[in-house]
Amino acid sequence: MQSTSTNQSSEPATEAHVERISPFHRRIHTEIIINAPAEIVWHVLTDWDRLGEWSPTLMGMRGEIRHGQAVECEYRFRGSVIKPKHTLHFEEGQEFGWSDPMLPGVVDRHRYRVEALPDGRTRFVQSDEVRGGLLSLLFGWLFMREMVTSYPAFNHALKQRVEGQRTGHEAALFT
């Protein structure tokens, strides 16, 4: 297993753990602890109109935000903006993502998950898989390299947004 640390605070590091399942299949897992209740983290994470204000990657989502519905996601990726369509996996207050590949045969099973901790904090998990045939060998490394840096950057930006708003702007967050 490969691990890359991107710790920039006194909290436990947000790391990208890459697990090689087979030559054609890798799984990436990142997480960070956020000093706020899960409900607040979920609210910031799913405020589709404001994502672009703080997120370095996911800029928004358009469509009917409901499990099984088609949505258009807007991303910053390697200096470009892309807008793929996905079939949404959605569990209110807990998790959203998709299992249809962004690039057929390469990227699959992307998830954003919010987990309430007993002490009132939240564990935020972002994960994905790169798998398939020849395309995953040819392009999978490119996506995995991008994920190893961009997922922890997204997690850290979410943490900063939530914790920064809790310290003085929490009222504005929910207006």
Protein backbone atom coordinates (compact mmCIF):
# COMPACT_ATOMS: atom_id res chain seq x y z
CA MET A 1 0.00 0.00 0.00
CA GLN A 2 1.22 3.46 -0.89
CA SER A 3 0.51 6.44 1.34
CA THR A 4 0.96 10.15 0.83
CA SER A 5 0.56 12.55 3.75
CA THR A 6 -0.70 16.10 3.35
CA ASN A 7 -1.00 17.19 6.98
CA GLN A 8 -1.17 20.98 7.36
CA SER A 9 -2.75 21.28 10.82
CA SER A 10 -2.54 19.86 14.33
CA GLU A 11 -5.29 17.34 13.49
CA PRO A 12 -4.44 13.84 12.29
CA ALA A 13 -3.12 13.86 8.72
CA THR A 14 -5.43 13.55 5.78
CA GLU A 15 -3.74 10.91 3.71
CA ALA A 16 -4.28 9.25 0.39
CA HIS A 17 -3.95 5.51 0.81
CA VAL A 18 -3.66 3.64 -2.47
CA GLU A 19 -4.29 -0.08 -2.44
CA ARG A 20 -3.29 -2.18 -5.44
CA ILE A 21 -5.95 -4.87 -5.83
CA SER A 22 -4.57 -6.15 -9.15
CA PRO A 23 -2.66 -4.72 -12.13
CA PHE A 24 -6.01 -3.43 -13.43
CA HIS A 25 -7.58 -2.31 -10.14
CA ARG A 26 -6.53 0.23 -7.50
CA ARG A 27 -8.51 1.75 -4.66
CA ILE A 28 -7.85 5.16 -3.10
CA HIS A 29 -9.07 6.16 0.35
CA THR A 30 -8.71 9.57 2.03
CA GLU A 31 -10.16 10.93 5.24
CA ILE A 32 -9.94 13.89 7.59
CA ILE A 33 -11.41 14.77 10.99
CA ILE A 34 -13.43 18.01 11.00
CA ASN A 35 -14.12 19.85 14.25
CA ALA A 36 -17.85 20.28 13.67
CA PRO A 37 -21.01 18.17 13.82
CA ALA A 38 -21.83 15.99 10.81
CA GLU A 39 -24.93 18.05 9.99
CA ILE A 40 -22.84 21.18 9.43
CA VAL A 41 -20.24 19.31 7.36
CA TRP A 42 -23.03 17.80 5.25
CA HIS A 43 -24.61 21.21 4.73
CA VAL A 44 -21.36 22.76 3.47
CA LEU A 45 -20.53 19.71 1.35
CA THR A 46 -23.93 19.69 -0.37
CA ASP A 47 -24.33 23.43 -0.87
CA TRP A 48 -23.98 22.94 -4.64
CA ASP A 49 -24.17 26.67 -5.42
CA ARG A 50 -21.22 27.53 -3.15
CA LEU A 51 -18.87 24.60 -3.77
CA GLY A 52 -16.83 26.59 -6.29
CA GLU A 53 -16.07 29.21 -3.61
CA TRP A 54 -13.84 26.84 -1.67
CA SER A 55 -13.38 23.53 -3.48
CA PRO A 56 -10.24 23.04 -5.58
CA THR A 57 -11.93 20.25 -7.61
CA LEU A 58 -15.70 19.68 -7.39
CA MET A 59 -17.37 22.95 -8.35
CA GLY A 60 -21.02 21.98 -8.36
CA MET A 61 -23.74 19.55 -9.26
CA ARG A 62 -26.84 20.15 -11.36
CA GLY A 63 -29.94 18.03 -11.76
CA GLU A 64 -32.38 16.32 -9.43
CA ILE A 65 -30.29 15.51 -6.36
CA ARG A 66 -31.86 12.18 -5.50
CA HIS A 67 -30.67 8.59 -5.49
CA GLY A 68 -30.69 7.08 -8.97
CA GLN A 69 -31.06 10.39 -10.82
CA ALA A 70 -28.75 11.67 -13.55
CA VAL A 71 -26.73 14.72 -12.53
CA GLU A 72 -24.09 16.85 -14.18
CA CYS A 73 -20.99 17.37 -12.05
CA GLU A 74 -18.60 20.21 -12.70
CA TYR A 75 -14.91 19.66 -11.89
CA ARG A 76 -11.61 21.42 -12.17
CA PHE A 77 -9.22 18.84 -13.54
CA ARG A 78 -5.63 19.57 -14.61
CA GLY A 79 -6.43 23.19 -15.48
CA SER A 80 -9.67 22.45 -17.32
CA VAL A 81 -13.33 22.39 -16.37
CA ILE A 82 -15.15 19.17 -17.23
CA LYS A 83 -18.84 18.39 -16.82
CA PRO A 84 -19.49 14.65 -16.91
CA LYS A 85 -22.92 13.17 -16.19
CA HIS A 86 -23.31 10.56 -13.48
CA THR A 87 -26.08 8.46 -11.99
CA LEU A 88 -26.18 9.62 -8.41
CA HIS A 89 -25.84 7.43 -5.35
CA PHE A 90 -27.34 9.56 -2.55
CA GLU A 91 -28.06 8.90 1.12
CA GLU A 92 -29.26 12.15 2.74
CA GLY A 93 -26.95 13.33 5.50
CA GLN A 94 -24.45 10.50 4.98
CA GLU A 95 -23.05 9.91 1.51
CA PHE A 96 -23.18 10.75 -2.16
CA GLY A 97 -21.28 9.67 -5.22
CA TRP A 98 -21.61 7.52 -8.30
CA SER A 99 -20.56 4.15 -9.63
CA ASP A 100 -20.67 4.90 -13.32
CA PRO A 101 -17.18 5.66 -14.58
CA MET A 102 -16.09 9.20 -15.39
CA LEU A 103 -13.83 7.70 -18.03
CA PRO A 104 -15.24 4.33 -19.17
CA GLY A 105 -13.05 1.49 -18.02
CA VAL A 106 -10.91 3.64 -15.72
CA VAL A 107 -12.49 5.59 -12.82
CA ASP A 108 -15.34 4.07 -10.83
CA ARG A 109 -17.15 4.12 -7.44
CA HIS A 110 -16.44 7.67 -6.27
CA ARG A 111 -17.83 8.46 -2.79
CA TYR A 112 -18.00 11.43 -0.41
CA ARG A 113 -19.03 10.21 3.07
CA VAL A 114 -19.80 12.08 6.32
CA GLU A 115 -19.54 10.07 9.57
CA ALA A 116 -20.60 11.53 12.92
CA LEU A 117 -18.13 10.81 15.73
CA PRO A 118 -19.21 10.39 19.38
CA ASP A 119 -17.33 13.55 20.44
CA GLY A 120 -19.32 15.85 18.12
CA ARG A 121 -16.68 15.93 15.40
CA THR A 122 -16.97 14.41 11.92
CA ARG A 123 -14.91 12.00 9.89
CA PHE A 124 -15.07 12.92 6.21
CA VAL A 125 -14.10 10.13 3.78
CA GLN A 126 -13.48 10.45 0.05
CA SER A 127 -12.74 7.30 -1.93
CA ASP A 128 -12.57 6.04 -5.47
CA GLU A 129 -11.45 3.14 -7.61
CA VAL A 130 -9.48 2.89 -10.82
CA ARG A 131 -10.13 -0.36 -12.60
CA GLY A 132 -10.76 -1.91 -15.94
CA GLY A 133 -8.74 -3.38 -18.72
CA LEU A 134 -6.11 -1.87 -20.93
CA LEU A 135 -7.40 1.69 -20.42
CA SER A 136 -6.75 1.44 -16.67
CA LEU A 137 -3.14 0.46 -17.38
CA LEU A 138 -2.68 3.27 -19.88
CA PHE A 139 -4.53 6.09 -18.09
CA GLY A 140 -5.17 4.83 -14.56
CA TRP A 141 -1.81 6.01 -13.29
CA LEU A 142 -2.59 9.55 -14.50
CA PHE A 143 -5.90 9.64 -12.62
CA MET A 144 -4.44 8.01 -9.52
CA ARG A 145 -1.58 10.53 -9.43
CA GLU A 146 -4.14 13.34 -9.64
CA MET A 147 -6.35 11.76 -6.94
CA VAL A 148 -3.45 11.33 -4.49
CA THR A 149 -2.99 15.10 -4.42
CA SER A 150 -6.46 16.48 -5.23
CA TYR A 151 -8.53 14.39 -2.80
CA PRO A 152 -6.57 15.44 0.32
CA ALA A 153 -6.62 19.05 -0.99
CA PHE A 154 -10.43 18.88 -1.27
CA ASN A 155 -10.70 17.33 2.21
CA HIS A 156 -8.50 20.03 3.74
CA ALA A 157 -10.45 22.80 1.95
CA LEU A 158 -13.73 21.35 3.30
CA LYS A 159 -12.26 21.28 6.80
CA GLN A 160 -11.10 24.90 6.50
CA ARG A 161 -14.46 26.04 5.14
CA VAL A 162 -16.47 24.32 7.88
CA GLU A 163 -14.20 25.24 10.77
CA GLY A 164 -13.68 28.81 9.52
CA GLN A 165 -17.42 29.38 9.24
CA ARG A 166 -18.04 27.90 12.68
CA THR A 167 -15.69 30.42 14.26
CA GLY A 168 -17.48 33.53 13.07
CA HIS A 169 -19.70 32.97 10.12
CA GLU A 170 -21.94 30.08 11.14
CA ALA A 171 -25.07 32.22 11.03
CA ALA A 172 -24.34 33.26 7.44
CA LEU A 173 -23.72 29.64 6.48
CA PHE A 174 -27.34 28.67 7.04
CA THR A 175 -29.05 31.74 5.57
